[in-house]
Each structure stands twice: as C-alpha cells, then as structure tokens.
Amino acid sequence: MHVVVTGAAGFIGSHTCERLVAAGHQVTGLDSFDDYLYPSDVKRRNADALSRLGARFALVEGDICDPSAVSNVITKDVDVVCHLAALAGVRPSIAAPLRYLRTNIEGTGVIIERMRALGLGKLVFASSSSVYGAKSDATVAFREDDPCLTPASPYAATKRMNELQLSAYRDLFGLGVFALRFFTVYGPRQRPDMAIAKFVAAIAQGTPITLFGDGSSRRDYTFIADIVAGVVAAIERIEAGRFEIVNLGGTQTISLAELVTTIEQVVGKRALIDRQRDQPGDVPVTYANVDRARALLGYQPTTRPDEGIARYWEWLQRS
C-alpha cells in the first residue's frame, strides 16, 4: 500500500513510518517541523533516522494548513492517509487556544477535503484520551461509547471536534475512519515537554521536578511500540465507509507518585520535588478499556510502565 503519514517526523509519526516501511509499504511523510512546543532540532534528528529507510520512504516539509503542501503529498495513488499531525498538549492549549483551533481543526479540514476531491476513502486519525474529560473513578476504564461532552482543555475540545468532523464526512461522503484515542504515549523519541521525558532528565541531572497536585492523579501510560502496533493494524484493516472510534492504551494505571518512584529506581537517583497546585486542564485519571481495539485490530499491549521507562532510559543514554 501507499500510505501518507502526516506528522511523520514527530514522536509517534517517525515510529509509524519505520514500522510501515518494515512491513513493506510505500510511505510518504509530511511534517512542518514546527517549533511551538519544543525545538525543531528534535524532529530533524528523527528525520535523519527516517532518511535511512531507503526508496520506500519520502519526507516532504509542509504544513497541513497549506492546501498546496497537502495536495503535493496526497495524490490519487494513495491508499490510506494516517493523520497524526497536530498541536498537542493540554496546558499549552490553554495559553494559545486559537492556534490549536487553526492547526487541529482547519488542518484536518484541509486533509479531508483533499481526500474528498480525489475520491480517497480511508483515513486513520490520531485522537486523544483527553476527549473523555474529568472522570473521578479510577477503577472504571474508559469506553468508546462513554459521553464526551465536557473536554477540560482547548486541545481536548479540538480532538473531539475532529471526531465529529470525520463522522460527518463518513455520513456525507463515505469516508472510512479509524479515530484512535491515544492514552499518554511515551518511549524513545518522545516529546521533551512530556512528563516522563522531563522527569527522567531532571532526576538524572539532580535538578528539581515540579509535581502538580498531591501525586494521586493516575495515568494509563502506553509504550510507543504498543501504540504503533495499533496504528499499523488500523492502517492495514481500515474499510471505506466505516467509522470507528478505538481506544489505544496500556490498560493499567499508575499514580504520579508511583511514576516518580519508578523513574528513581530506573535512573538510580532520588528526585528533588517542587510541589505545586493542580493545573487547569489536568484530569484526575485516564484508563483505557481496549476491548474494541482487541476485537477490531488484534491489539494487545504488552509493555509495563517499569519496562517501558527502562527502555526509554537506555535509549536516552545512547542518543
């Protein structure tokens, strides 16, 4: 298959491109190398790794909000578009909501309008567990049919709007969609603004980490290899005219305090902790029910948080 991957030089995108090429697919990547959340050098390093993939991979620099750039990569011979590009992050979206609306809503609109113009019917989309909003019961896993009416941040709102956008295009134009709700992805190449990356770096260097709240908030951390297995399965199994929302998570939660303890054990140093109040937009728990992913994608996450953090630490020391 010929697959277009937007956000190809990012954390999840670069791993997805590698897995697709390894599976024998032709891949065209698109990335803007935006530096809003972190220095663009991070993506340039990922792009250097992708440059070794050979003739079955090509990377194009361009913005998903630019119809010309999108038209350059989404062509009639494309079988599936894997749309991973977005402005991510709950807290940054509170500071710049209009920027998130433009990139995430308008950019997705440009993608699907190009697909509609060419009669392309298969889109795999990166949504987010943040669409579920604040749920206080840490014992009940989130299901895809749970109400998603109260997103806690502009970022979460854009992802829910994207899902509705794509549902309308299925109804109107027969667009086939897998909307994959990712649960706190981590691992090699992860964004440096994410909690695990920041905590590992600070603890290793002996500098304080900032903990918001009392440490009881819980997250379903999902290792990158498990997420990418689900993404590639969606790409290979998607059907035109069918719309599915699917959770991709690790199926277990750990508290913020437990996360810090795990990182201390992996790095071999104690954390210096600066405690602050809870931040707007944060939710008390995320927890994925992945029954639908198992049924539709054969999804089976296997990496425990302690294993994944150890693998991230090993990668960080080599890089």
C-alpha atoms as a PDB file:
ATOM      1  CA  MET A   1       0.000   0.000   0.000  1.00  0.00           C
ATOM      2  CA  HIS A   2       0.925   3.645  -0.417  1.00  0.00           C
ATOM      3  CA  VAL A   3       0.390   5.414   2.924  1.00  0.00           C
ATOM      4  CA  VAL A   4       0.682   9.140   3.627  1.00  0.00           C
ATOM      5  CA  VAL A   5       1.674   9.928   7.229  1.00  0.00           C
ATOM      6  CA  THR A   6       1.218  13.489   8.484  1.00  0.00           C
ATOM      7  CA  GLY A   7       3.388  14.488  11.431  1.00  0.00           C
ATOM      8  CA  ALA A   8       5.905  11.990  10.087  1.00  0.00           C
ATOM      9  CA  ALA A   9       8.950  13.449  11.858  1.00  0.00           C
ATOM     10  CA  GLY A  10       7.261  13.560  15.244  1.00  0.00           C
ATOM     11  CA  PHE A  11       7.359  11.071  18.080  1.00  0.00           C
ATOM     12  CA  ILE A  12       4.568   8.719  17.020  1.00  0.00           C
ATOM     13  CA  GLY A  13       4.869   9.572  13.332  1.00  0.00           C
ATOM     14  CA  SER A  14       8.518   8.603  12.973  1.00  0.00           C
ATOM     15  CA  HIS A  15       7.975   5.223  14.637  1.00  0.00           C
ATOM     16  CA  THR A  16       4.892   4.628  12.486  1.00  0.00           C
ATOM     17  CA  CYS A  17       6.823   5.348   9.291  1.00  0.00           C
ATOM     18  CA  GLU A  18       9.552   2.909  10.286  1.00  0.00           C
ATOM     19  CA  ARG A  19       7.046   0.162  11.101  1.00  0.00           C
ATOM     20  CA  LEU A  20       5.142   0.680   7.838  1.00  0.00           C
ATOM     21  CA  VAL A  21       8.280   0.521   5.706  1.00  0.00           C
ATOM     22  CA  ALA A  22       9.415  -2.592   7.574  1.00  0.00           C
ATOM     23  CA  ALA A  23       6.041  -4.144   6.717  1.00  0.00           C
ATOM     24  CA  GLY A  24       6.649  -3.488   3.013  1.00  0.00           C
ATOM     25  CA  HIS A  25       4.504  -0.397   2.471  1.00  0.00           C
ATOM     26  CA  GLN A  26       5.371   2.713   0.457  1.00  0.00           C
ATOM     27  CA  VAL A  27       5.292   5.751   2.757  1.00  0.00           C
ATOM     28  CA  THR A  28       5.194   9.477   2.050  1.00  0.00           C
ATOM     29  CA  GLY A  29       5.616  11.653   5.128  1.00  0.00           C
ATOM     30  CA  LEU A  30       4.583  15.267   5.670  1.00  0.00           C
ATOM     31  CA  ASP A  31       5.839  17.426   8.541  1.00  0.00           C
ATOM     32  CA  SER A  32       6.045  21.171   9.169  1.00  0.00           C
ATOM     33  CA  PHE A  33       8.926  20.924  11.690  1.00  0.00           C
ATOM     34  CA  ASP A  34       7.010  23.385  13.857  1.00  0.00           C
ATOM     35  CA  ASP A  35       8.897  24.554  16.953  1.00  0.00           C
ATOM     36  CA  TYR A  36       5.966  25.760  19.059  1.00  0.00           C
ATOM     37  CA  LEU A  37       6.142  23.019  21.710  1.00  0.00           C
ATOM     38  CA  TYR A  38       9.825  22.103  21.505  1.00  0.00           C
ATOM     39  CA  PRO A  39      12.886  22.860  19.321  1.00  0.00           C
ATOM     40  CA  SER A  40      12.574  21.677  15.729  1.00  0.00           C
ATOM     41  CA  ASP A  41      16.007  20.041  16.063  1.00  0.00           C
ATOM     42  CA  VAL A  42      14.250  17.156  17.824  1.00  0.00           C
ATOM     43  CA  LYS A  43      12.241  16.423  14.693  1.00  0.00           C
ATOM     44  CA  ARG A  44      15.276  16.978  12.470  1.00  0.00           C
ATOM     45  CA  ARG A  45      17.036  14.175  14.335  1.00  0.00           C
ATOM     46  CA  ASN A  46      14.024  11.932  13.806  1.00  0.00           C
ATOM     47  CA  ALA A  47      14.084  12.854  10.120  1.00  0.00           C
ATOM     48  CA  ASP A  48      17.749  11.865   9.934  1.00  0.00           C
ATOM     49  CA  ALA A  49      16.805   8.409  11.207  1.00  0.00           C
ATOM     50  CA  LEU A  50      13.990   8.185   8.657  1.00  0.00           C
ATOM     51  CA  SER A  51      16.364   9.111   5.833  1.00  0.00           C
ATOM     52  CA  ARG A  52      17.911   5.663   6.203  1.00  0.00           C
ATOM     53  CA  LEU A  53      14.670   3.885   5.296  1.00  0.00           C
ATOM     54  CA  GLY A  54      15.510   3.796   1.601  1.00  0.00           C
ATOM     55  CA  ALA A  55      13.456   4.081  -1.565  1.00  0.00           C
ATOM     56  CA  ARG A  56      10.114   3.169   0.006  1.00  0.00           C
ATOM     57  CA  PHE A  57      10.077   6.360   2.093  1.00  0.00           C
ATOM     58  CA  ALA A  58       9.975  10.054   1.196  1.00  0.00           C
ATOM     59  CA  LEU A  59       9.643  13.009   3.575  1.00  0.00           C
ATOM     60  CA  VAL A  60       8.188  16.341   2.472  1.00  0.00           C
ATOM     61  CA  GLU A  61       8.329  19.522   4.558  1.00  0.00           C
ATOM     62  CA  GLY A  62       4.990  21.310   4.637  1.00  0.00           C
ATOM     63  CA  ASP A  63       2.074  22.456   6.789  1.00  0.00           C
ATOM     64  CA  ILE A  64      -1.252  20.614   6.933  1.00  0.00           C
ATOM     65  CA  CYS A  65      -2.996  24.009   6.839  1.00  0.00           C
ATOM     66  CA  ASP A  66      -1.442  24.696   3.412  1.00  0.00           C
ATOM     67  CA  PRO A  67      -3.609  23.166   0.652  1.00  0.00           C
ATOM     68  CA  SER A  68      -0.679  23.197  -1.787  1.00  0.00           C
ATOM     69  CA  ALA A  69       1.558  21.223   0.570  1.00  0.00           C
ATOM     70  CA  VAL A  70      -1.218  18.736   1.265  1.00  0.00           C
ATOM     71  CA  SER A  71      -2.001  18.335  -2.442  1.00  0.00           C
ATOM     72  CA  ASN A  72       1.666  17.649  -3.072  1.00  0.00           C
ATOM     73  CA  VAL A  73       1.635  14.509  -0.914  1.00  0.00           C
ATOM     74  CA  ILE A  74      -1.974  13.294  -1.052  1.00  0.00           C
ATOM     75  CA  THR A  75      -2.316  12.095  -4.616  1.00  0.00           C
ATOM     76  CA  LYS A  76      -4.640   9.755  -6.477  1.00  0.00           C
ATOM     77  CA  ASP A  77      -2.417   6.711  -5.887  1.00  0.00           C
ATOM     78  CA  VAL A  78      -2.597   6.957  -2.070  1.00  0.00           C
ATOM     79  CA  ASP A  79      -4.391   4.059  -0.373  1.00  0.00           C
ATOM     80  CA  VAL A  80      -4.571   5.312   3.224  1.00  0.00           C
ATOM     81  CA  VAL A  81      -3.888   8.631   4.950  1.00  0.00           C
ATOM     82  CA  CYS A  82      -2.595   8.328   8.529  1.00  0.00           C
ATOM     83  CA  HIS A  83      -3.215  11.760  10.032  1.00  0.00           C
ATOM     84  CA  LEU A  84      -1.008  12.180  13.110  1.00  0.00           C
ATOM     85  CA  ALA A  85      -0.053  15.859  12.715  1.00  0.00           C
ATOM     86  CA  ALA A  86      -1.493  18.188  15.360  1.00  0.00           C
ATOM     87  CA  LEU A  87      -0.595  20.668  18.021  1.00  0.00           C
ATOM     88  CA  ALA A  88      -0.566  18.509  21.154  1.00  0.00           C
ATOM     89  CA  GLY A  89      -0.573  19.237  24.864  1.00  0.00           C
ATOM     90  CA  VAL A  90      -3.288  20.167  27.343  1.00  0.00           C
ATOM     91  CA  ARG A  91      -1.571  23.015  29.201  1.00  0.00           C
ATOM     92  CA  PRO A  92      -0.078  24.777  26.142  1.00  0.00           C
ATOM     93  CA  SER A  93      -3.511  24.789  24.505  1.00  0.00           C
ATOM     94  CA  ILE A  94      -4.926  26.855  27.359  1.00  0.00           C
ATOM     95  CA  ALA A  95      -2.363  29.559  26.590  1.00  0.00           C
ATOM     96  CA  ALA A  96      -2.965  29.557  22.811  1.00  0.00           C
ATOM     97  CA  PRO A  97      -6.436  28.177  22.008  1.00  0.00           C
ATOM     98  CA  LEU A  98      -6.766  29.874  18.626  1.00  0.00           C
ATOM     99  CA  ARG A  99      -3.515  28.364  17.436  1.00  0.00           C
ATOM    100  CA  TYR A 100      -4.795  24.913  18.383  1.00  0.00           C
ATOM    101  CA  LEU A 101      -8.109  25.504  16.658  1.00  0.00           C
ATOM    102  CA  ARG A 102      -6.412  26.559  13.449  1.00  0.00           C
ATOM    103  CA  THR A 103      -3.925  23.703  13.274  1.00  0.00           C
ATOM    104  CA  ASN A 104      -6.117  20.894  14.537  1.00  0.00           C
ATOM    105  CA  ILE A 105      -9.483  21.824  13.022  1.00  0.00           C
ATOM    106  CA  GLU A 106      -8.536  23.719   9.869  1.00  0.00           C
ATOM    107  CA  GLY A 107      -5.570  21.440   9.156  1.00  0.00           C
ATOM    108  CA  THR A 108      -7.724  18.327   9.414  1.00  0.00           C
ATOM    109  CA  GLY A 109     -10.278  20.024   7.183  1.00  0.00           C
ATOM    110  CA  VAL A 110      -7.643  20.597   4.504  1.00  0.00           C
ATOM    111  CA  ILE A 111      -6.643  16.914   4.681  1.00  0.00           C
ATOM    112  CA  ILE A 112     -10.146  15.508   4.328  1.00  0.00           C
ATOM    113  CA  GLU A 113     -11.164  17.998   1.638  1.00  0.00           C
ATOM    114  CA  ARG A 114      -8.196  16.891  -0.442  1.00  0.00           C
ATOM    115  CA  MET A 115      -9.200  13.278   0.092  1.00  0.00           C
ATOM    116  CA  ARG A 116     -12.792  14.049  -0.909  1.00  0.00           C
ATOM    117  CA  ALA A 117     -11.655  15.811  -4.082  1.00  0.00           C
ATOM    118  CA  LEU A 118      -9.673  12.737  -5.133  1.00  0.00           C
ATOM    119  CA  GLY A 119     -12.238  10.166  -4.036  1.00  0.00           C
ATOM    120  CA  LEU A 120      -9.909   8.697  -1.392  1.00  0.00           C
ATOM    121  CA  GLY A 121     -11.818   6.851   1.292  1.00  0.00           C
ATOM    122  CA  LYS A 122      -9.531   5.656   4.106  1.00  0.00           C
ATOM    123  CA  LEU A 123      -8.247   7.792   6.995  1.00  0.00           C
ATOM    124  CA  VAL A 124      -6.589   6.738  10.250  1.00  0.00           C
ATOM    125  CA  PHE A 125      -6.716   9.643  12.701  1.00  0.00           C
ATOM    126  CA  ALA A 126      -4.881  10.321  15.971  1.00  0.00           C
ATOM    127  CA  SER A 127      -7.413  11.345  18.589  1.00  0.00           C
ATOM    128  CA  SER A 128      -6.770  11.512  22.327  1.00  0.00           C
ATOM    129  CA  SER A 129      -7.959  10.153  25.657  1.00  0.00           C
ATOM    130  CA  SER A 130      -8.358  13.790  26.704  1.00  0.00           C
ATOM    131  CA  VAL A 131     -11.752  13.854  24.941  1.00  0.00           C
ATOM    132  CA  TYR A 132     -13.228  11.938  27.905  1.00  0.00           C
ATOM    133  CA  GLY A 133     -12.738  14.900  30.237  1.00  0.00           C
ATOM    134  CA  ALA A 134     -12.585  14.583  34.015  1.00  0.00           C
ATOM    135  CA  LYS A 135     -13.649  11.217  35.431  1.00  0.00           C
ATOM    136  CA  SER A 136     -13.061  10.663  39.128  1.00  0.00           C
ATOM    137  CA  ASP A 137     -13.489   6.875  39.401  1.00  0.00           C
ATOM    138  CA  ALA A 138     -10.055   5.335  38.825  1.00  0.00           C
ATOM    139  CA  THR A 139     -11.489   1.806  38.875  1.00  0.00           C
ATOM    140  CA  VAL A 140     -13.683   2.073  35.761  1.00  0.00           C
ATOM    141  CA  ALA A 141     -11.916   2.009  32.399  1.00  0.00           C
ATOM    142  CA  PHE A 142     -12.976   4.496  29.723  1.00  0.00           C
ATOM    143  CA  ARG A 143     -15.085   3.010  26.933  1.00  0.00           C
ATOM    144  CA  GLU A 144     -15.530   4.497  23.473  1.00  0.00           C
ATOM    145  CA  ASP A 145     -19.280   4.960  23.996  1.00  0.00           C
ATOM    146  CA  ASP A 146     -18.827   6.969  27.213  1.00  0.00           C
ATOM    147  CA  PRO A 147     -20.158  10.549  26.929  1.00  0.00           C
ATOM    148  CA  CYS A 148     -17.513  13.041  25.770  1.00  0.00           C
ATOM    149  CA  LEU A 149     -19.357  16.285  26.415  1.00  0.00           C
ATOM    150  CA  THR A 150     -17.007  18.110  28.807  1.00  0.00           C
ATOM    151  CA  PRO A 151     -13.442  18.317  27.453  1.00  0.00           C
ATOM    152  CA  ALA A 152     -11.203  20.005  30.014  1.00  0.00           C
ATOM    153  CA  SER A 153      -8.930  21.927  27.621  1.00  0.00           C
ATOM    154  CA  PRO A 154      -8.917  23.512  24.161  1.00  0.00           C
ATOM    155  CA  TYR A 155      -6.698  20.648  22.951  1.00  0.00           C
ATOM    156  CA  ALA A 156      -9.232  18.058  24.115  1.00  0.00           C
ATOM    157  CA  ALA A 157     -12.036  20.060  22.525  1.00  0.00           C
ATOM    158  CA  THR A 158     -10.256  20.144  19.165  1.00  0.00           C
ATOM    159  CA  LYS A 159      -9.791  16.376  19.199  1.00  0.00           C
ATOM    160  CA  ARG A 160     -13.471  15.801  19.946  1.00  0.00           C
ATOM    161  CA  MET A 161     -14.411  18.292  17.217  1.00  0.00           C
ATOM    162  CA  ASN A 162     -12.139  16.380  14.837  1.00  0.00           C
ATOM    163  CA  GLU A 163     -14.018  13.162  15.598  1.00  0.00           C
ATOM    164  CA  LEU A 164     -17.325  14.873  14.812  1.00  0.00           C
ATOM    165  CA  GLN A 165     -15.804  16.404  11.667  1.00  0.00           C
ATOM    166  CA  LEU A 166     -14.785  12.961  10.448  1.00  0.00           C
ATOM    167  CA  SER A 167     -18.102  11.365  11.391  1.00  0.00           C
ATOM    168  CA  ALA A 168     -19.884  13.933   9.226  1.00  0.00           C
ATOM    169  CA  TYR A 169     -17.579  13.143   6.297  1.00  0.00           C
ATOM    170  CA  ARG A 170     -18.378   9.449   6.689  1.00  0.00           C
ATOM    171  CA  ASP A 171     -22.109  10.203   6.587  1.00  0.00           C
ATOM    172  CA  LEU A 172     -21.880  12.673   3.708  1.00  0.00           C
ATOM    173  CA  PHE A 173     -19.093  11.270   1.551  1.00  0.00           C
ATOM    174  CA  GLY A 174     -18.444   7.689   2.679  1.00  0.00           C
ATOM    175  CA  LEU A 175     -15.071   8.409   4.286  1.00  0.00           C
ATOM    176  CA  GLY A 176     -13.748   5.382   6.166  1.00  0.00           C
ATOM    177  CA  VAL A 177     -12.232   6.362   9.516  1.00  0.00           C
ATOM    178  CA  PHE A 178     -10.403   4.791  12.414  1.00  0.00           C
ATOM    179  CA  ALA A 179     -10.228   7.509  15.105  1.00  0.00           C
ATOM    180  CA  LEU A 180      -7.667   6.192  17.585  1.00  0.00           C
ATOM    181  CA  ARG A 181      -7.802   7.632  21.091  1.00  0.00           C
ATOM    182  CA  PHE A 182      -4.227   7.508  22.364  1.00  0.00           C
ATOM    183  CA  PHE A 183      -3.586   7.245  26.108  1.00  0.00           C
ATOM    184  CA  THR A 184      -0.410   9.070  27.300  1.00  0.00           C
ATOM    185  CA  VAL A 185       2.165   7.675  24.900  1.00  0.00           C
ATOM    186  CA  TYR A 186       5.821   7.501  25.982  1.00  0.00           C
ATOM    187  CA  GLY A 187       9.103   5.939  24.906  1.00  0.00           C
ATOM    188  CA  PRO A 188      12.148   6.648  22.727  1.00  0.00           C
ATOM    189  CA  ARG A 189      11.887   9.958  20.799  1.00  0.00           C
ATOM    190  CA  GLN A 190       9.053  11.213  22.979  1.00  0.00           C
ATOM    191  CA  ARG A 191       8.474  14.943  23.087  1.00  0.00           C
ATOM    192  CA  PRO A 192      10.800  16.663  25.578  1.00  0.00           C
ATOM    193  CA  ASP A 193       7.862  18.632  27.017  1.00  0.00           C
ATOM    194  CA  MET A 194       6.141  15.442  28.248  1.00  0.00           C
ATOM    195  CA  ALA A 195       6.201  14.413  31.906  1.00  0.00           C
ATOM    196  CA  ILE A 196       8.300  11.253  31.672  1.00  0.00           C
ATOM    197  CA  ALA A 197      10.920  12.950  29.500  1.00  0.00           C
ATOM    198  CA  LYS A 198      11.129  15.940  31.834  1.00  0.00           C
ATOM    199  CA  PHE A 199      11.227  13.829  34.992  1.00  0.00           C
ATOM    200  CA  VAL A 200      13.895  11.443  33.698  1.00  0.00           C
ATOM    201  CA  ALA A 201      16.126  14.311  32.571  1.00  0.00           C
ATOM    202  CA  ALA A 202      15.729  16.266  35.809  1.00  0.00           C
ATOM    203  CA  ILE A 203      16.265  13.301  38.130  1.00  0.00           C
ATOM    204  CA  ALA A 204      19.338  12.210  36.169  1.00  0.00           C
ATOM    205  CA  GLN A 205      20.771  15.740  36.386  1.00  0.00           C
ATOM    206  CA  GLY A 206      19.853  16.264  40.035  1.00  0.00           C
ATOM    207  CA  THR A 207      17.536  19.202  39.357  1.00  0.00           C
ATOM    208  CA  PRO A 208      14.054  19.592  40.894  1.00  0.00           C
ATOM    209  CA  ILE A 209      10.941  18.258  39.200  1.00  0.00           C
ATOM    210  CA  THR A 210       7.623  20.070  39.516  1.00  0.00           C
ATOM    211  CA  LEU A 211       4.729  17.900  40.704  1.00  0.00           C
ATOM    212  CA  PHE A 212       1.261  19.361  40.355  1.00  0.00           C
ATOM    213  CA  GLY A 213      -1.213  18.165  42.970  1.00  0.00           C
ATOM    214  CA  ASP A 214      -0.766  15.582  45.714  1.00  0.00           C
ATOM    215  CA  GLY A 215       0.616  12.832  43.469  1.00  0.00           C
ATOM    216  CA  SER A 216      -2.594  10.793  43.432  1.00  0.00           C
ATOM    217  CA  SER A 217      -3.608  11.522  39.822  1.00  0.00           C
ATOM    218  CA  ARG A 218      -3.386   8.396  37.685  1.00  0.00           C
ATOM    219  CA  ARG A 219      -2.486   7.861  34.035  1.00  0.00           C
ATOM    220  CA  ASP A 220      -2.675   4.960  31.625  1.00  0.00           C
ATOM    221  CA  TYR A 221       0.843   5.231  30.177  1.00  0.00           C
ATOM    222  CA  THR A 222       1.193   3.436  26.843  1.00  0.00           C
ATOM    223  CA  PHE A 223       4.549   2.461  25.366  1.00  0.00           C
ATOM    224  CA  ILE A 224       5.245   3.657  21.835  1.00  0.00           C
ATOM    225  CA  ALA A 225       5.732   0.172  20.355  1.00  0.00           C
ATOM    226  CA  ASP A 226       2.278  -0.872  21.569  1.00  0.00           C
ATOM    227  CA  ILE A 227       0.662   2.276  20.161  1.00  0.00           C
ATOM    228  CA  VAL A 228       2.353   1.889  16.778  1.00  0.00           C
ATOM    229  CA  ALA A 229       1.252  -1.741  16.547  1.00  0.00           C
ATOM    230  CA  GLY A 230      -2.319  -0.489  16.899  1.00  0.00           C
ATOM    231  CA  VAL A 231      -1.842   2.303  14.360  1.00  0.00           C
ATOM    232  CA  VAL A 232      -0.381  -0.015  11.734  1.00  0.00           C
ATOM    233  CA  ALA A 233      -3.142  -2.565  12.321  1.00  0.00           C
ATOM    234  CA  ALA A 234      -5.707   0.195  11.741  1.00  0.00           C
ATOM    235  CA  ILE A 235      -3.976   1.221   8.510  1.00  0.00           C
ATOM    236  CA  GLU A 236      -3.968  -2.346   7.250  1.00  0.00           C
ATOM    237  CA  ARG A 237      -7.572  -3.126   8.261  1.00  0.00           C
ATOM    238  CA  ILE A 238      -9.476   0.089   7.525  1.00  0.00           C
ATOM    239  CA  GLU A 239     -12.519  -0.129   5.255  1.00  0.00           C
ATOM    240  CA  ALA A 240     -14.081   2.644   3.169  1.00  0.00           C
ATOM    241  CA  GLY A 241     -17.391   3.910   4.534  1.00  0.00           C
ATOM    242  CA  ARG A 242     -16.867   2.598   8.064  1.00  0.00           C
ATOM    243  CA  PHE A 243     -16.360   4.900  11.066  1.00  0.00           C
ATOM    244  CA  GLU A 244     -14.837   3.511  14.262  1.00  0.00           C
ATOM    245  CA  ILE A 245     -13.547   5.184  17.421  1.00  0.00           C
ATOM    246  CA  VAL A 246     -10.997   2.956  19.171  1.00  0.00           C
ATOM    247  CA  ASN A 247      -9.047   3.333  22.422  1.00  0.00           C
ATOM    248  CA  LEU A 248      -5.343   2.514  22.331  1.00  0.00           C
ATOM    249  CA  GLY A 249      -3.987   2.355  25.876  1.00  0.00           C
ATOM    250  CA  GLY A 250      -1.834   0.300  28.170  1.00  0.00           C
ATOM    251  CA  THR A 251      -4.812  -0.972  30.249  1.00  0.00           C
ATOM    252  CA  GLN A 252      -3.243  -0.217  33.623  1.00  0.00           C
ATOM    253  CA  THR A 253      -2.819   2.998  35.578  1.00  0.00           C
ATOM    254  CA  ILE A 254      -0.132   4.283  37.900  1.00  0.00           C
ATOM    255  CA  SER A 255      -0.222   7.358  40.095  1.00  0.00           C
ATOM    256  CA  LEU A 256       2.039  10.344  39.630  1.00  0.00           C
ATOM    257  CA  ALA A 257       3.818   9.431  42.872  1.00  0.00           C
ATOM    258  CA  GLU A 258       4.334   5.849  41.659  1.00  0.00           C
ATOM    259  CA  LEU A 259       5.661   7.159  38.347  1.00  0.00           C
ATOM    260  CA  VAL A 260       8.308   9.229  40.127  1.00  0.00           C
ATOM    261  CA  THR A 261       9.319   6.243  42.274  1.00  0.00           C
ATOM    262  CA  THR A 262       9.644   4.073  39.167  1.00  0.00           C
ATOM    263  CA  ILE A 263      11.845   6.654  37.446  1.00  0.00           C
ATOM    264  CA  GLU A 264      14.004   6.962  40.575  1.00  0.00           C
ATOM    265  CA  GLN A 265      14.550   3.197  40.529  1.00  0.00           C
ATOM    266  CA  VAL A 266      15.395   3.138  36.814  1.00  0.00           C
ATOM    267  CA  VAL A 267      17.751   6.127  36.906  1.00  0.00           C
ATOM    268  CA  GLY A 268      19.260   5.219  40.283  1.00  0.00           C
ATOM    269  CA  LYS A 269      18.801   8.656  41.860  1.00  0.00           C
ATOM    270  CA  ARG A 270      16.288  10.303  44.184  1.00  0.00           C
ATOM    271  CA  ALA A 271      14.035  13.047  42.892  1.00  0.00           C
ATOM    272  CA  LEU A 272      14.105  16.593  44.212  1.00  0.00           C
ATOM    273  CA  ILE A 273      10.443  17.604  44.230  1.00  0.00           C
ATOM    274  CA  ASP A 274       8.840  21.040  43.950  1.00  0.00           C
ATOM    275  CA  ARG A 275       5.137  20.618  44.740  1.00  0.00           C
ATOM    276  CA  GLN A 276       2.589  22.936  43.152  1.00  0.00           C
ATOM    277  CA  ARG A 277      -1.191  23.140  42.956  1.00  0.00           C
ATOM    278  CA  ASP A 278      -3.169  21.191  40.363  1.00  0.00           C
ATOM    279  CA  GLN A 279      -3.139  22.870  36.967  1.00  0.00           C
ATOM    280  CA  PRO A 280      -6.207  23.850  34.908  1.00  0.00           C
ATOM    281  CA  GLY A 281      -6.998  21.258  32.254  1.00  0.00           C
ATOM    282  CA  ASP A 282      -5.492  18.316  34.122  1.00  0.00           C
ATOM    283  CA  VAL A 283      -7.811  15.383  34.844  1.00  0.00           C
ATOM    284  CA  PRO A 284      -7.584  13.002  37.828  1.00  0.00           C
ATOM    285  CA  VAL A 285      -7.396   9.760  35.858  1.00  0.00           C
ATOM    286  CA  THR A 286      -7.107   8.197  32.410  1.00  0.00           C
ATOM    287  CA  TYR A 287      -7.753   4.476  31.986  1.00  0.00           C
ATOM    288  CA  ALA A 288      -8.386   2.650  28.709  1.00  0.00           C
ATOM    289  CA  ASN A 289     -10.769  -0.181  28.027  1.00  0.00           C
ATOM    290  CA  VAL A 290      -9.316  -1.753  24.866  1.00  0.00           C
ATOM    291  CA  ASP A 291     -11.880  -4.471  24.171  1.00  0.00           C
ATOM    292  CA  ARG A 292     -12.827  -2.819  20.882  1.00  0.00           C
ATOM    293  CA  ALA A 293      -9.173  -2.495  19.841  1.00  0.00           C
ATOM    294  CA  ARG A 294      -8.631  -6.180  20.575  1.00  0.00           C
ATOM    295  CA  ALA A 295     -11.670  -7.149  18.506  1.00  0.00           C
ATOM    296  CA  LEU A 296     -11.057  -4.865  15.523  1.00  0.00           C
ATOM    297  CA  LEU A 297      -7.267  -4.584  15.440  1.00  0.00           C
ATOM    298  CA  GLY A 298      -5.928  -7.578  17.339  1.00  0.00           C
ATOM    299  CA  TYR A 299      -4.422  -5.020  19.707  1.00  0.00           C
ATOM    300  CA  GLN A 300      -2.567  -6.417  22.707  1.00  0.00           C
ATOM    301  CA  PRO A 301      -0.338  -4.026  24.712  1.00  0.00           C
ATOM    302  CA  THR A 302       2.497  -5.860  26.421  1.00  0.00           C
ATOM    303  CA  THR A 303       4.837  -3.261  27.946  1.00  0.00           C
ATOM    304  CA  ARG A 304       4.554  -2.436  31.654  1.00  0.00           C
ATOM    305  CA  PRO A 305       5.470   1.118  32.737  1.00  0.00           C
ATOM    306  CA  ASP A 306       8.629  -0.019  34.547  1.00  0.00           C
ATOM    307  CA  GLU A 307       9.798  -1.893  31.427  1.00  0.00           C
ATOM    308  CA  GLY A 308       8.966   0.986  29.109  1.00  0.00           C
ATOM    309  CA  ILE A 309      10.672   3.598  31.264  1.00  0.00           C
ATOM    310  CA  ALA A 310      13.784   1.409  31.460  1.00  0.00           C
ATOM    311  CA  ARG A 311      13.803   1.143  27.654  1.00  0.00           C
ATOM    312  CA  TYR A 312      13.378   4.904  27.332  1.00  0.00           C
ATOM    313  CA  TRP A 313      16.272   5.481  29.767  1.00  0.00           C
ATOM    314  CA  GLU A 314      18.505   3.083  27.808  1.00  0.00           C
ATOM    315  CA  TRP A 315      17.666   4.896  24.573  1.00  0.00           C
ATOM    316  CA  LEU A 316      18.286   8.304  26.137  1.00  0.00           C
ATOM    317  CA  GLN A 317      21.740   7.271  27.320  1.00  0.00           C
ATOM    318  CA  ARG A 318      22.650   6.096  23.810  1.00  0.00           C
ATOM    319  CA  SER A 319      21.328   9.154  21.997  1.00  0.00           C
END
